[in-house]
C-alpha atoms as a PDB file:
ATOM      1  CA  MET A   1      -0.163  -0.075  -0.174  1.00  0.00           C
ATOM      2  CA  ILE A   2       1.475   3.572  -1.121  1.00  0.00           C
ATOM      3  CA  PRO A   3       1.728   5.704   2.230  1.00  0.00           C
ATOM      4  CA  PHE A   4      -0.031   8.705   0.121  1.00  0.00           C
ATOM      5  CA  GLU A   5       1.182  11.379   2.870  1.00  0.00           C
ATOM      6  CA  LYS A   6       4.358  11.070   1.965  1.00  0.00           C
ATOM      7  CA  ALA A   7       3.916  10.859  -1.969  1.00  0.00           C
ATOM      8  CA  LEU A   8       4.164  13.255  -4.618  1.00  0.00           C
ATOM      9  CA  PRO A   9       3.109  13.681  -7.937  1.00  0.00           C
ATOM     10  CA  TYR A  10       5.127  14.279 -11.269  1.00  0.00           C
ATOM     11  CA  ASP A  11       4.802  14.813 -14.380  1.00  0.00           C
ATOM     12  CA  ARG A  12       6.724  14.225 -17.617  1.00  0.00           C
ATOM     13  CA  MET A  13       7.021  16.734 -19.845  1.00  0.00           C
ATOM     14  CA  MET A  14       9.213  17.250 -23.019  1.00  0.00           C
ATOM     15  CA  GLY A  15      12.222  15.665 -21.506  1.00  0.00           C
ATOM     16  CA  ASP A  16      11.679  16.821 -17.306  1.00  0.00           C
ATOM     17  CA  LEU A  17      10.130  16.289 -14.918  1.00  0.00           C
ATOM     18  CA  THR A  18       7.621  18.593 -12.659  1.00  0.00           C
ATOM     19  CA  VAL A  19       5.573  18.801 -10.344  1.00  0.00           C
ATOM     20  CA  PRO A  20       2.291  20.382 -10.323  1.00  0.00           C
ATOM     21  CA  LYS A  21       2.802  21.950  -7.267  1.00  0.00           C
ATOM     22  CA  CYS A  22       5.580  22.876  -4.746  1.00  0.00           C
ATOM     23  CA  PRO A  23       4.792  21.290  -1.204  1.00  0.00           C
ATOM     24  CA  PHE A  24       6.628  23.351   0.420  1.00  0.00           C
ATOM     25  CA  CYS A  25       5.375  27.318  -1.215  1.00  0.00           C
ATOM     26  CA  GLY A  26       3.138  26.523  -3.277  1.00  0.00           C
ATOM     27  CA  ALA A  27       4.485  27.621  -6.161  1.00  0.00           C
ATOM     28  CA  GLU A  28       2.831  25.695  -9.636  1.00  0.00           C
ATOM     29  CA  ASN A  29       4.453  23.847 -12.200  1.00  0.00           C
ATOM     30  CA  VAL A  30       8.120  23.457 -10.483  1.00  0.00           C
ATOM     31  CA  LEU A  31      10.589  22.053 -12.531  1.00  0.00           C
ATOM     32  CA  LEU A  32      12.574  18.927 -10.768  1.00  0.00           C
ATOM     33  CA  PRO A  33      16.261  18.326 -10.962  1.00  0.00           C
ATOM     34  CA  ILE A  34      15.724  14.821 -11.509  1.00  0.00           C
ATOM     35  CA  LYS A  35      15.921  13.680 -14.895  1.00  0.00           C
ATOM     36  CA  PRO A  36      14.004  11.164 -16.478  1.00  0.00           C
ATOM     37  CA  SER A  37      17.084   8.793 -17.190  1.00  0.00           C
ATOM     38  CA  GLU A  38      17.676   8.735 -13.421  1.00  0.00           C
ATOM     39  CA  ILE A  39      13.741   6.952 -12.564  1.00  0.00           C
ATOM     40  CA  PRO A  40      15.055   3.716 -12.806  1.00  0.00           C
ATOM     41  CA  ASP A  41      18.142   4.268 -10.373  1.00  0.00           C
ATOM     42  CA  ILE A  42      16.137   5.309  -8.397  1.00  0.00           C
ATOM     43  CA  GLN A  43      13.274   2.550  -8.575  1.00  0.00           C
ATOM     44  CA  THR A  44      16.163   0.067  -8.022  1.00  0.00           C
ATOM     45  CA  GLY A  45      16.969   1.520  -4.673  1.00  0.00           C
ATOM     46  CA  LYS A  46      19.247   4.615  -4.672  1.00  0.00           C
ATOM     47  CA  LYS A  47      17.847   7.570  -3.097  1.00  0.00           C
ATOM     48  CA  ARG A  48      17.924  11.086  -4.215  1.00  0.00           C
ATOM     49  CA  LEU A  49      18.309  13.925  -2.816  1.00  0.00           C
ATOM     50  CA  THR A  50      16.022  16.681  -4.381  1.00  0.00           C
ATOM     51  CA  VAL A  51      16.368  20.324  -3.865  1.00  0.00           C
ATOM     52  CA  PHE A  52      13.431  22.413  -5.569  1.00  0.00           C
ATOM     53  CA  PRO A  53      14.568  25.413  -7.365  1.00  0.00           C
ATOM     54  CA  CYS A  54      11.251  27.821  -6.147  1.00  0.00           C
ATOM     55  CA  CYS A  55      12.385  27.668  -2.549  1.00  0.00           C
ATOM     56  CA  HIS A  56      14.928  25.842  -1.966  1.00  0.00           C
ATOM     57  CA  GLY A  57      13.082  23.126   0.071  1.00  0.00           C
ATOM     58  CA  ARG A  58      14.769  19.426   0.283  1.00  0.00           C
ATOM     59  CA  LEU A  59      13.386  16.290   0.348  1.00  0.00           C
ATOM     60  CA  THR A  60      14.469  12.884  -0.101  1.00  0.00           C
ATOM     61  CA  VAL A  61      13.040  11.142  -2.943  1.00  0.00           C
ATOM     62  CA  LEU A  62      13.272   7.326  -1.592  1.00  0.00           C
ATOM     63  CA  ASP A  63      10.879   5.137  -4.384  1.00  0.00           C
ATOM     64  CA  CYS A  64       8.808   5.979  -7.817  1.00  0.00           C
ATOM     65  CA  ASP A  65       6.147   4.945 -10.214  1.00  0.00           C
ATOM     66  CA  ASP A  66       4.942   6.258 -13.008  1.00  0.00           C
ATOM     67  CA  ASP A  67       2.588   8.863 -11.026  1.00  0.00           C
ATOM     68  CA  TYR A  68       4.195   9.175  -7.849  1.00  0.00           C
ATOM     69  CA  LEU A  69       7.769   9.931  -5.712  1.00  0.00           C
ATOM     70  CA  MET A  70       7.795   8.482  -2.529  1.00  0.00           C
ATOM     71  CA  THR A  71       9.626  10.784  -0.152  1.00  0.00           C
ATOM     72  CA  ASP A  72      11.171  10.082   3.200  1.00  0.00           C
ATOM     73  CA  THR A  73       9.191  13.697   4.800  1.00  0.00           C
ATOM     74  CA  VAL A  74       5.181  13.968   5.072  1.00  0.00           C
ATOM     75  CA  VAL A  75       4.067  16.634   1.791  1.00  0.00           C
ATOM     76  CA  LYS A  76       1.116  18.875   1.593  1.00  0.00           C
END
């Protein structure tokens, strides 16, 4: 079962990953510093520290699927 309180939805747009809304400051359509080529590494267990460019909020991505990034902290 996916813990949705620690899941962040994301989209792939033209070779980039974006989130609809920043969980820290509320900015919309935020470009993530994660490349789609890194997704298989994250799915096999590699953790990825992600710093949001809009407000420099940080969270660690533990796992992901085709729709959600699973994080180590509760996101809004």
